[in-house]
Amino acid sequence: YFMGAAFVTEGAIPFAAADPLRVIPAAVVGAAVAGGLTEFFRVTLPAPHGGVFVAFITNHPMLYLLSIVIGAVVMAIILGIVKKPVTEK
């Protein structure tokens, strides 16, 4: 979870590699929603990196974090719809 909170995306590679046709489009849509919301809210970030650890230097920290959460929820909903149920072996 720490890597994801810091926007270090390498931790997501195994999940995307295991099911790329479902995970990658869901991630793209979730990221697009989060990015679109930050633009809509006019959030600016002077750092060349994202994540919760730089939220305090944005001009609207709560709207920035809200955008991230909404994007993550959108991705989770899409994955919940398109992913196959887990079956025990």
PDB file of N, CA and C in Angstrom:
ATOM      1  N   TYR A   1       0.812  -1.198   0.000  1.00  0.00           N
ATOM      2  CA  TYR A   1       0.000   0.000   0.000  1.00  0.00           C
ATOM      3  C   TYR A   1       0.857   1.264   0.000  1.00  0.00           C
ATOM      4  N   PHE A   2       2.037   1.171   0.627  1.00  0.00           N
ATOM      5  CA  PHE A   2       2.909   2.335   0.695  1.00  0.00           C
ATOM      6  C   PHE A   2       3.332   2.791  -0.695  1.00  0.00           C
ATOM      7  N   MET A   3       3.668   1.830  -1.559  1.00  0.00           N
ATOM      8  CA  MET A   3       4.090   2.191  -2.916  1.00  0.00           C
ATOM      9  C   MET A   3       2.958   2.880  -3.671  1.00  0.00           C
ATOM     10  N   GLY A   4       1.753   2.371  -3.527  1.00  0.00           N
ATOM     11  CA  GLY A   4       0.613   2.982  -4.201  1.00  0.00           C
ATOM     12  C   GLY A   4       0.326   4.377  -3.689  1.00  0.00           C
ATOM     13  N   ALA A   5       0.445   4.576  -2.385  1.00  0.00           N
ATOM     14  CA  ALA A   5       0.207   5.898  -1.802  1.00  0.00           C
ATOM     15  C   ALA A   5       1.245   6.899  -2.275  1.00  0.00           C
ATOM     16  N   ALA A   6       2.440   6.412  -2.600  1.00  0.00           N
ATOM     17  CA  ALA A   6       3.500   7.283  -3.098  1.00  0.00           C
ATOM     18  C   ALA A   6       3.475   7.413  -4.617  1.00  0.00           C
ATOM     19  N   PHE A   7       2.503   6.783  -5.265  1.00  0.00           N
ATOM     20  CA  PHE A   7       2.384   6.757  -6.728  1.00  0.00           C
ATOM     21  C   PHE A   7       3.590   6.096  -7.386  1.00  0.00           C
ATOM     22  N   VAL A   8       4.170   5.112  -6.719  1.00  0.00           N
ATOM     23  CA  VAL A   8       5.211   4.290  -7.319  1.00  0.00           C
ATOM     24  C   VAL A   8       4.473   3.109  -7.940  1.00  0.00           C
ATOM     25  N   THR A   9       4.384   3.100  -9.251  1.00  0.00           N
ATOM     26  CA  THR A   9       3.483   2.178  -9.939  1.00  0.00           C
ATOM     27  C   THR A   9       4.034   0.778 -10.148  1.00  0.00           C
ATOM     28  N   GLU A  10       5.300   0.549  -9.845  1.00  0.00           N
ATOM     29  CA  GLU A  10       5.876  -0.776 -10.079  1.00  0.00           C
ATOM     30  C   GLU A  10       5.162  -1.864  -9.290  1.00  0.00           C
ATOM     31  N   GLY A  11       4.552  -1.533  -8.168  1.00  0.00           N
ATOM     32  CA  GLY A  11       3.825  -2.519  -7.374  1.00  0.00           C
ATOM     33  C   GLY A  11       2.581  -3.043  -8.063  1.00  0.00           C
ATOM     34  N   ALA A  12       2.078  -2.307  -9.043  1.00  0.00           N
ATOM     35  CA  ALA A  12       0.874  -2.729  -9.757  1.00  0.00           C
ATOM     36  C   ALA A  12       1.181  -3.611 -10.962  1.00  0.00           C
ATOM     37  N   ILE A  13       2.439  -3.714 -11.342  1.00  0.00           N
ATOM     38  CA  ILE A  13       2.797  -4.474 -12.543  1.00  0.00           C
ATOM     39  C   ILE A  13       2.352  -5.933 -12.475  1.00  0.00           C
ATOM     40  N   PRO A  14       2.559  -6.645 -11.365  1.00  0.00           N
ATOM     41  CA  PRO A  14       2.101  -8.045 -11.346  1.00  0.00           C
ATOM     42  C   PRO A  14       0.590  -8.194 -11.540  1.00  0.00           C
ATOM     43  N   PHE A  15      -0.185  -7.267 -11.009  1.00  0.00           N
ATOM     44  CA  PHE A  15      -1.639  -7.334 -11.179  1.00  0.00           C
ATOM     45  C   PHE A  15      -2.024  -7.078 -12.635  1.00  0.00           C
ATOM     46  N   ALA A  16      -1.389  -6.081 -13.247  1.00  0.00           N
ATOM     47  CA  ALA A  16      -1.673  -5.774 -14.644  1.00  0.00           C
ATOM     48  C   ALA A  16      -1.189  -6.892 -15.559  1.00  0.00           C
ATOM     49  N   ALA A  17      -0.046  -7.472 -15.257  1.00  0.00           N
ATOM     50  CA  ALA A  17       0.493  -8.541 -16.103  1.00  0.00           C
ATOM     51  C   ALA A  17      -0.354  -9.813 -16.014  1.00  0.00           C
ATOM     52  N   ALA A  18      -0.980 -10.037 -14.874  1.00  0.00           N
ATOM     53  CA  ALA A  18      -1.796 -11.241 -14.701  1.00  0.00           C
ATOM     54  C   ALA A  18      -3.092 -11.191 -15.502  1.00  0.00           C
ATOM     55  N   ASP A  19      -3.616  -9.999 -15.731  1.00  0.00           N
ATOM     56  CA  ASP A  19      -4.889  -9.863 -16.451  1.00  0.00           C
ATOM     57  C   ASP A  19      -4.932  -8.504 -17.158  1.00  0.00           C
ATOM     58  N   PRO A  20      -4.058  -8.296 -18.148  1.00  0.00           N
ATOM     59  CA  PRO A  20      -3.919  -6.967 -18.746  1.00  0.00           C
ATOM     60  C   PRO A  20      -5.163  -6.442 -19.464  1.00  0.00           C
ATOM     61  N   LEU A  21      -5.953  -7.328 -20.048  1.00  0.00           N
ATOM     62  CA  LEU A  21      -7.116  -6.858 -20.803  1.00  0.00           C
ATOM     63  C   LEU A  21      -8.211  -6.291 -19.909  1.00  0.00           C
ATOM     64  N   ARG A  22      -8.175  -6.607 -18.639  1.00  0.00           N
ATOM     65  CA  ARG A  22      -9.172  -6.071 -17.715  1.00  0.00           C
ATOM     66  C   ARG A  22      -8.581  -4.987 -16.812  1.00  0.00           C
ATOM     67  N   VAL A  23      -7.370  -5.220 -16.323  1.00  0.00           N
ATOM     68  CA  VAL A  23      -6.778  -4.309 -15.339  1.00  0.00           C
ATOM     69  C   VAL A  23      -6.325  -2.994 -15.973  1.00  0.00           C
ATOM     70  N   ILE A  24      -5.652  -3.050 -17.095  1.00  0.00           N
ATOM     71  CA  ILE A  24      -5.113  -1.827 -17.694  1.00  0.00           C
ATOM     72  C   ILE A  24      -6.215  -0.851 -18.102  1.00  0.00           C
ATOM     73  N   PRO A  25      -7.270  -1.270 -18.808  1.00  0.00           N
ATOM     74  CA  PRO A  25      -8.333  -0.303 -19.123  1.00  0.00           C
ATOM     75  C   PRO A  25      -8.998   0.280 -17.867  1.00  0.00           C
ATOM     76  N   ALA A  26      -9.182  -0.536 -16.842  1.00  0.00           N
ATOM     77  CA  ALA A  26      -9.777  -0.034 -15.596  1.00  0.00           C
ATOM     78  C   ALA A  26      -8.866   1.008 -14.957  1.00  0.00           C
ATOM     79  N   ALA A  27      -7.559   0.756 -14.971  1.00  0.00           N
ATOM     80  CA  ALA A  27      -6.603   1.709 -14.412  1.00  0.00           C
ATOM     81  C   ALA A  27      -6.584   3.005 -15.208  1.00  0.00           C
ATOM     82  N   VAL A  28      -6.662   2.890 -16.526  1.00  0.00           N
ATOM     83  CA  VAL A  28      -6.664   4.087 -17.375  1.00  0.00           C
ATOM     84  C   VAL A  28      -7.903   4.944 -17.101  1.00  0.00           C
ATOM     85  N   VAL A  29      -9.051   4.302 -17.007  1.00  0.00           N
ATOM     86  CA  VAL A  29     -10.284   5.053 -16.739  1.00  0.00           C
ATOM     87  C   VAL A  29     -10.235   5.702 -15.349  1.00  0.00           C
ATOM     88  N   GLY A  30      -9.793   4.957 -14.340  1.00  0.00           N
ATOM     89  CA  GLY A  30      -9.689   5.507 -12.992  1.00  0.00           C
ATOM     90  C   GLY A  30      -8.726   6.678 -12.933  1.00  0.00           C
ATOM     91  N   ALA A  31      -7.576   6.549 -13.598  1.00  0.00           N
ATOM     92  CA  ALA A  31      -6.596   7.638 -13.632  1.00  0.00           C
ATOM     93  C   ALA A  31      -7.137   8.846 -14.391  1.00  0.00           C
ATOM     94  N   ALA A  32      -7.868   8.596 -15.470  1.00  0.00           N
ATOM     95  CA  ALA A  32      -8.446   9.699 -16.235  1.00  0.00           C
ATOM     96  C   ALA A  32      -9.479  10.454 -15.410  1.00  0.00           C
ATOM     97  N   VAL A  33     -10.276   9.739 -14.652  1.00  0.00           N
ATOM     98  CA  VAL A  33     -11.263  10.384 -13.784  1.00  0.00           C
ATOM     99  C   VAL A  33     -10.553  11.232 -12.732  1.00  0.00           C
ATOM    100  N   ALA A  34      -9.532  10.664 -12.084  1.00  0.00           N
ATOM    101  CA  ALA A  34      -8.794  11.410 -11.065  1.00  0.00           C
ATOM    102  C   ALA A  34      -8.117  12.642 -11.664  1.00  0.00           C
ATOM    103  N   GLY A  35      -7.480  12.477 -12.805  1.00  0.00           N
ATOM    104  CA  GLY A  35      -6.827  13.610 -13.465  1.00  0.00           C
ATOM    105  C   GLY A  35      -7.810  14.662 -13.914  1.00  0.00           C
ATOM    106  N   GLY A  36      -8.941  14.220 -14.455  1.00  0.00           N
ATOM    107  CA  GLY A  36      -9.964  15.173 -14.876  1.00  0.00           C
ATOM    108  C   GLY A  36     -10.536  15.963 -13.713  1.00  0.00           C
ATOM    109  N   LEU A  37     -10.714  15.285 -12.595  1.00  0.00           N
ATOM    110  CA  LEU A  37     -11.226  15.987 -11.415  1.00  0.00           C
ATOM    111  C   LEU A  37     -10.232  17.016 -10.881  1.00  0.00           C
ATOM    112  N   THR A  38      -8.934  16.678 -10.906  1.00  0.00           N
ATOM    113  CA  THR A  38      -7.963  17.671 -10.447  1.00  0.00           C
ATOM    114  C   THR A  38      -7.969  18.902 -11.346  1.00  0.00           C
ATOM    115  N   GLU A  39      -8.164  18.699 -12.622  1.00  0.00           N
ATOM    116  CA  GLU A  39      -8.292  19.845 -13.537  1.00  0.00           C
ATOM    117  C   GLU A  39      -9.577  20.619 -13.261  1.00  0.00           C
ATOM    118  N   PHE A  40     -10.664  19.899 -13.067  1.00  0.00           N
ATOM    119  CA  PHE A  40     -11.945  20.539 -12.782  1.00  0.00           C
ATOM    120  C   PHE A  40     -11.869  21.385 -11.508  1.00  0.00           C
ATOM    121  N   PHE A  41     -11.187  20.843 -10.487  1.00  0.00           N
ATOM    122  CA  PHE A  41     -11.042  21.559  -9.220  1.00  0.00           C
ATOM    123  C   PHE A  41      -9.920  22.593  -9.253  1.00  0.00           C
ATOM    124  N   ARG A  42      -9.206  22.692 -10.363  1.00  0.00           N
ATOM    125  CA  ARG A  42      -8.092  23.631 -10.529  1.00  0.00           C
ATOM    126  C   ARG A  42      -6.985  23.409  -9.491  1.00  0.00           C
ATOM    127  N   VAL A  43      -6.687  22.139  -9.245  1.00  0.00           N
ATOM    128  CA  VAL A  43      -5.615  21.796  -8.309  1.00  0.00           C
ATOM    129  C   VAL A  43      -4.275  21.957  -9.021  1.00  0.00           C
ATOM    130  N   THR A  44      -3.344  22.632  -8.368  1.00  0.00           N
ATOM    131  CA  THR A  44      -1.992  22.757  -8.906  1.00  0.00           C
ATOM    132  C   THR A  44      -1.016  22.089  -7.946  1.00  0.00           C
ATOM    133  N   LEU A  45       0.021  21.490  -8.528  1.00  0.00           N
ATOM    134  CA  LEU A  45       1.027  20.785  -7.746  1.00  0.00           C
ATOM    135  C   LEU A  45       2.396  21.140  -8.312  1.00  0.00           C
ATOM    136  N   PRO A  46       3.209  21.864  -7.542  1.00  0.00           N
ATOM    137  CA  PRO A  46       4.518  22.274  -8.059  1.00  0.00           C
ATOM    138  C   PRO A  46       5.545  21.144  -8.119  1.00  0.00           C
ATOM    139  N   ALA A  47       5.292  20.022  -7.462  1.00  0.00           N
ATOM    140  CA  ALA A  47       6.233  18.897  -7.486  1.00  0.00           C
ATOM    141  C   ALA A  47       6.015  18.069  -8.751  1.00  0.00           C
ATOM    142  N   PRO A  48       7.076  17.493  -9.298  1.00  0.00           N
ATOM    143  CA  PRO A  48       6.928  16.655 -10.496  1.00  0.00           C
ATOM    144  C   PRO A  48       6.522  15.220 -10.169  1.00  0.00           C
ATOM    145  N   HIS A  49       5.806  15.028  -9.086  1.00  0.00           N
ATOM    146  CA  HIS A  49       5.414  13.694  -8.636  1.00  0.00           C
ATOM    147  C   HIS A  49       4.083  13.823  -7.906  1.00  0.00           C
ATOM    148  N   GLY A  50       3.368  12.732  -7.755  1.00  0.00           N
ATOM    149  CA  GLY A  50       2.076  12.762  -7.073  1.00  0.00           C
ATOM    150  C   GLY A  50       2.070  11.905  -5.838  1.00  0.00           C
ATOM    151  N   GLY A  51       0.892  11.564  -5.399  1.00  0.00           N
ATOM    152  CA  GLY A  51       0.731  10.729  -4.219  1.00  0.00           C
ATOM    153  C   GLY A  51       0.285  11.534  -3.014  1.00  0.00           C
ATOM    154  N   VAL A  52      -0.067  10.822  -1.974  1.00  0.00           N
ATOM    155  CA  VAL A  52      -0.589  11.492  -0.777  1.00  0.00           C
ATOM    156  C   VAL A  52       0.487  12.269  -0.031  1.00  0.00           C
ATOM    157  N   PHE A  53       1.755  11.944  -0.265  1.00  0.00           N
ATOM    158  CA  PHE A  53       2.831  12.604   0.471  1.00  0.00           C
ATOM    159  C   PHE A  53       3.123  14.019  -0.025  1.00  0.00           C
ATOM    160  N   VAL A  54       2.629  14.380  -1.185  1.00  0.00           N
ATOM    161  CA  VAL A  54       2.812  15.748  -1.679  1.00  0.00           C
ATOM    162  C   VAL A  54       1.507  16.546  -1.639  1.00  0.00           C
ATOM    163  N   ALA A  55       0.473  15.966  -1.074  1.00  0.00           N
ATOM    164  CA  ALA A  55      -0.832  16.640  -1.036  1.00  0.00           C
ATOM    165  C   ALA A  55      -0.753  17.981  -0.319  1.00  0.00           C
ATOM    166  N   PHE A  56       0.080  18.075   0.705  1.00  0.00           N
ATOM    167  CA  PHE A  56       0.141  19.302   1.493  1.00  0.00           C
ATOM    168  C   PHE A  56       0.730  20.483   0.735  1.00  0.00           C
ATOM    169  N   ILE A  57       1.380  20.248  -0.407  1.00  0.00           N
ATOM    170  CA  ILE A  57       1.928  21.384  -1.158  1.00  0.00           C
ATOM    171  C   ILE A  57       1.042  21.791  -2.343  1.00  0.00           C
ATOM    172  N   THR A  58      -0.119  21.142  -2.483  1.00  0.00           N
ATOM    173  CA  THR A  58      -1.054  21.570  -3.533  1.00  0.00           C
ATOM    174  C   THR A  58      -1.815  22.797  -3.052  1.00  0.00           C
ATOM    175  N   ASN A  59      -2.478  23.455  -3.971  1.00  0.00           N
ATOM    176  CA  ASN A  59      -3.271  24.623  -3.575  1.00  0.00           C
ATOM    177  C   ASN A  59      -4.615  24.222  -2.957  1.00  0.00           C
ATOM    178  N   HIS A  60      -5.088  23.000  -3.219  1.00  0.00           N
ATOM    179  CA  HIS A  60      -6.336  22.482  -2.650  1.00  0.00           C
ATOM    180  C   HIS A  60      -6.117  21.031  -2.208  1.00  0.00           C
ATOM    181  N   PRO A  61      -5.474  20.817  -1.054  1.00  0.00           N
ATOM    182  CA  PRO A  61      -5.116  19.445  -0.663  1.00  0.00           C
ATOM    183  C   PRO A  61      -6.295  18.494  -0.529  1.00  0.00           C
ATOM    184  N   MET A  62      -7.390  18.956   0.028  1.00  0.00           N
ATOM    185  CA  MET A  62      -8.532  18.051   0.222  1.00  0.00           C
ATOM    186  C   MET A  62      -9.171  17.676  -1.117  1.00  0.00           C
ATOM    187  N   LEU A  63      -9.259  18.601  -2.045  1.00  0.00           N
ATOM    188  CA  LEU A  63      -9.806  18.286  -3.363  1.00  0.00           C
ATOM    189  C   LEU A  63      -8.867  17.363  -4.135  1.00  0.00           C
ATOM    190  N   TYR A  64      -7.583  17.533  -3.935  1.00  0.00           N
ATOM    191  CA  TYR A  64      -6.589  16.648  -4.543  1.00  0.00           C
ATOM    192  C   TYR A  64      -6.783  15.221  -4.042  1.00  0.00           C
ATOM    193  N   LEU A  65      -6.873  15.056  -2.736  1.00  0.00           N
ATOM    194  CA  LEU A  65      -7.072  13.729  -2.155  1.00  0.00           C
ATOM    195  C   LEU A  65      -8.427  13.143  -2.545  1.00  0.00           C
ATOM    196  N   LEU A  66      -9.452  13.983  -2.599  1.00  0.00           N
ATOM    197  CA  LEU A  66     -10.773  13.522  -3.026  1.00  0.00           C
ATOM    198  C   LEU A  66     -10.720  13.005  -4.462  1.00  0.00           C
ATOM    199  N   SER A  67      -9.992  13.685  -5.323  1.00  0.00           N
ATOM    200  CA  SER A  67      -9.854  13.244  -6.708  1.00  0.00           C
ATOM    201  C   SER A  67      -9.196  11.875  -6.789  1.00  0.00           C
ATOM    202  N   ILE A  68      -8.156  11.666  -5.983  1.00  0.00           N
ATOM    203  CA  ILE A  68      -7.472  10.371  -5.962  1.00  0.00           C
ATOM    204  C   ILE A  68      -8.422   9.272  -5.490  1.00  0.00           C
ATOM    205  N   VAL A  69      -9.157   9.556  -4.436  1.00  0.00           N
ATOM    206  CA  VAL A  69     -10.077   8.550  -3.889  1.00  0.00           C
ATOM    207  C   VAL A  69     -11.174   8.215  -4.900  1.00  0.00           C
ATOM    208  N   ILE A  70     -11.747   9.219  -5.530  1.00  0.00           N
ATOM    209  CA  ILE A  70     -12.808   8.964  -6.511  1.00  0.00           C
ATOM    210  C   ILE A  70     -12.266   8.153  -7.687  1.00  0.00           C
ATOM    211  N   GLY A  71     -11.073   8.493  -8.173  1.00  0.00           N
ATOM    212  CA  GLY A  71     -10.463   7.723  -9.258  1.00  0.00           C
ATOM    213  C   GLY A  71     -10.229   6.274  -8.864  1.00  0.00           C
ATOM    214  N   ALA A  72      -9.768   6.056  -7.626  1.00  0.00           N
ATOM    215  CA  ALA A  72      -9.534   4.689  -7.143  1.00  0.00           C
ATOM    216  C   ALA A  72     -10.847   3.919  -7.023  1.00  0.00           C
ATOM    217  N   VAL A  73     -11.887   4.588  -6.569  1.00  0.00           N
ATOM    218  CA  VAL A  73     -13.195   3.932  -6.442  1.00  0.00           C
ATOM    219  C   VAL A  73     -13.741   3.563  -7.820  1.00  0.00           C
ATOM    220  N   VAL A  74     -13.589   4.462  -8.782  1.00  0.00           N
ATOM    221  CA  VAL A  74     -14.038   4.166 -10.148  1.00  0.00           C
ATOM    222  C   VAL A  74     -13.307   2.937 -10.686  1.00  0.00           C
ATOM    223  N   MET A  75     -11.987   2.884 -10.480  1.00  0.00           N
ATOM    224  CA  MET A  75     -11.232   1.714 -10.936  1.00  0.00           C
ATOM    225  C   MET A  75     -11.705   0.449 -10.228  1.00  0.00           C
ATOM    226  N   ALA A  76     -11.927   0.536  -8.931  1.00  0.00           N
ATOM    227  CA  ALA A  76     -12.374  -0.637  -8.168  1.00  0.00           C
ATOM    228  C   ALA A  76     -13.736  -1.123  -8.645  1.00  0.00           C
ATOM    229  N   ILE A  77     -14.635  -0.203  -8.941  1.00  0.00           N
ATOM    230  CA  ILE A  77     -15.959  -0.589  -9.440  1.00  0.00           C
ATOM    231  C   ILE A  77     -15.839  -1.291 -10.789  1.00  0.00           C
ATOM    232  N   ILE A  78     -15.021  -0.726 -11.672  1.00  0.00           N
ATOM    233  CA  ILE A  78     -14.836  -1.350 -12.985  1.00  0.00           C
ATOM    234  C   ILE A  78     -14.236  -2.749 -12.832  1.00  0.00           C
ATOM    235  N   LEU A  79     -13.214  -2.877 -11.984  1.00  0.00           N
ATOM    236  CA  LEU A  79     -12.615  -4.194 -11.769  1.00  0.00           C
ATOM    237  C   LEU A  79     -13.610  -5.165 -11.156  1.00  0.00           C
ATOM    238  N   GLY A  80     -14.453  -4.684 -10.257  1.00  0.00           N
ATOM    239  CA  GLY A  80     -15.472  -5.534  -9.659  1.00  0.00           C
ATOM    240  C   GLY A  80     -16.470  -6.052 -10.675  1.00  0.00           C
ATOM    241  N   ILE A  81     -16.682  -5.275 -11.723  1.00  0.00           N
ATOM    242  CA  ILE A  81     -17.626  -5.674 -12.773  1.00  0.00           C
ATOM    243  C   ILE A  81     -16.970  -6.622 -13.787  1.00  0.00           C
ATOM    244  N   VAL A  82     -15.744  -6.316 -14.197  1.00  0.00           N
ATOM    245  CA  VAL A  82     -15.147  -7.059 -15.314  1.00  0.00           C
ATOM    246  C   VAL A  82     -14.276  -8.244 -14.909  1.00  0.00           C
ATOM    247  N   LYS A  83     -13.789  -8.272 -13.686  1.00  0.00           N
ATOM    248  CA  LYS A  83     -12.920  -9.386 -13.276  1.00  0.00           C
ATOM    249  C   LYS A  83     -13.730 -10.644 -13.012  1.00  0.00           C
ATOM    250  N   LYS A  84     -13.104 -11.778 -13.308  1.00  0.00           N
ATOM    251  CA  LYS A  84     -13.724 -13.061 -13.024  1.00  0.00           C
ATOM    252  C   LYS A  84     -13.692 -13.322 -11.519  1.00  0.00           C
ATOM    253  N   PRO A  85     -14.685 -14.005 -10.984  1.00  0.00           N
ATOM    254  CA  PRO A  85     -14.649 -14.345  -9.551  1.00  0.00           C
ATOM    255  C   PRO A  85     -13.463 -15.253  -9.228  1.00  0.00           C
ATOM    256  N   VAL A  86     -12.935 -15.091  -8.045  1.00  0.00           N
ATOM    257  CA  VAL A  86     -11.819 -15.926  -7.601  1.00  0.00           C
ATOM    258  C   VAL A  86     -12.357 -17.303  -7.224  1.00  0.00           C
ATOM    259  N   THR A  87     -11.726 -18.319  -7.753  1.00  0.00           N
ATOM    260  CA  THR A  87     -12.122 -19.681  -7.408  1.00  0.00           C
ATOM    261  C   THR A  87     -10.967 -20.353  -6.674  1.00  0.00           C
ATOM    262  N   GLU A  88     -11.323 -21.122  -5.664  1.00  0.00           N
ATOM    263  CA  GLU A  88     -10.289 -21.820  -4.901  1.00  0.00           C
ATOM    264  C   GLU A  88      -9.890 -23.085  -5.634  1.00  0.00           C
ATOM    265  N   LYS A  89      -8.610 -23.392  -5.559  1.00  0.00           N
ATOM    266  CA  LYS A  89      -8.092 -24.575  -6.255  1.00  0.00           C
ATOM    267  C   LYS A  89      -8.023 -25.747  -5.321  1.00  0.00           C
TER     268      LYS A  89
END
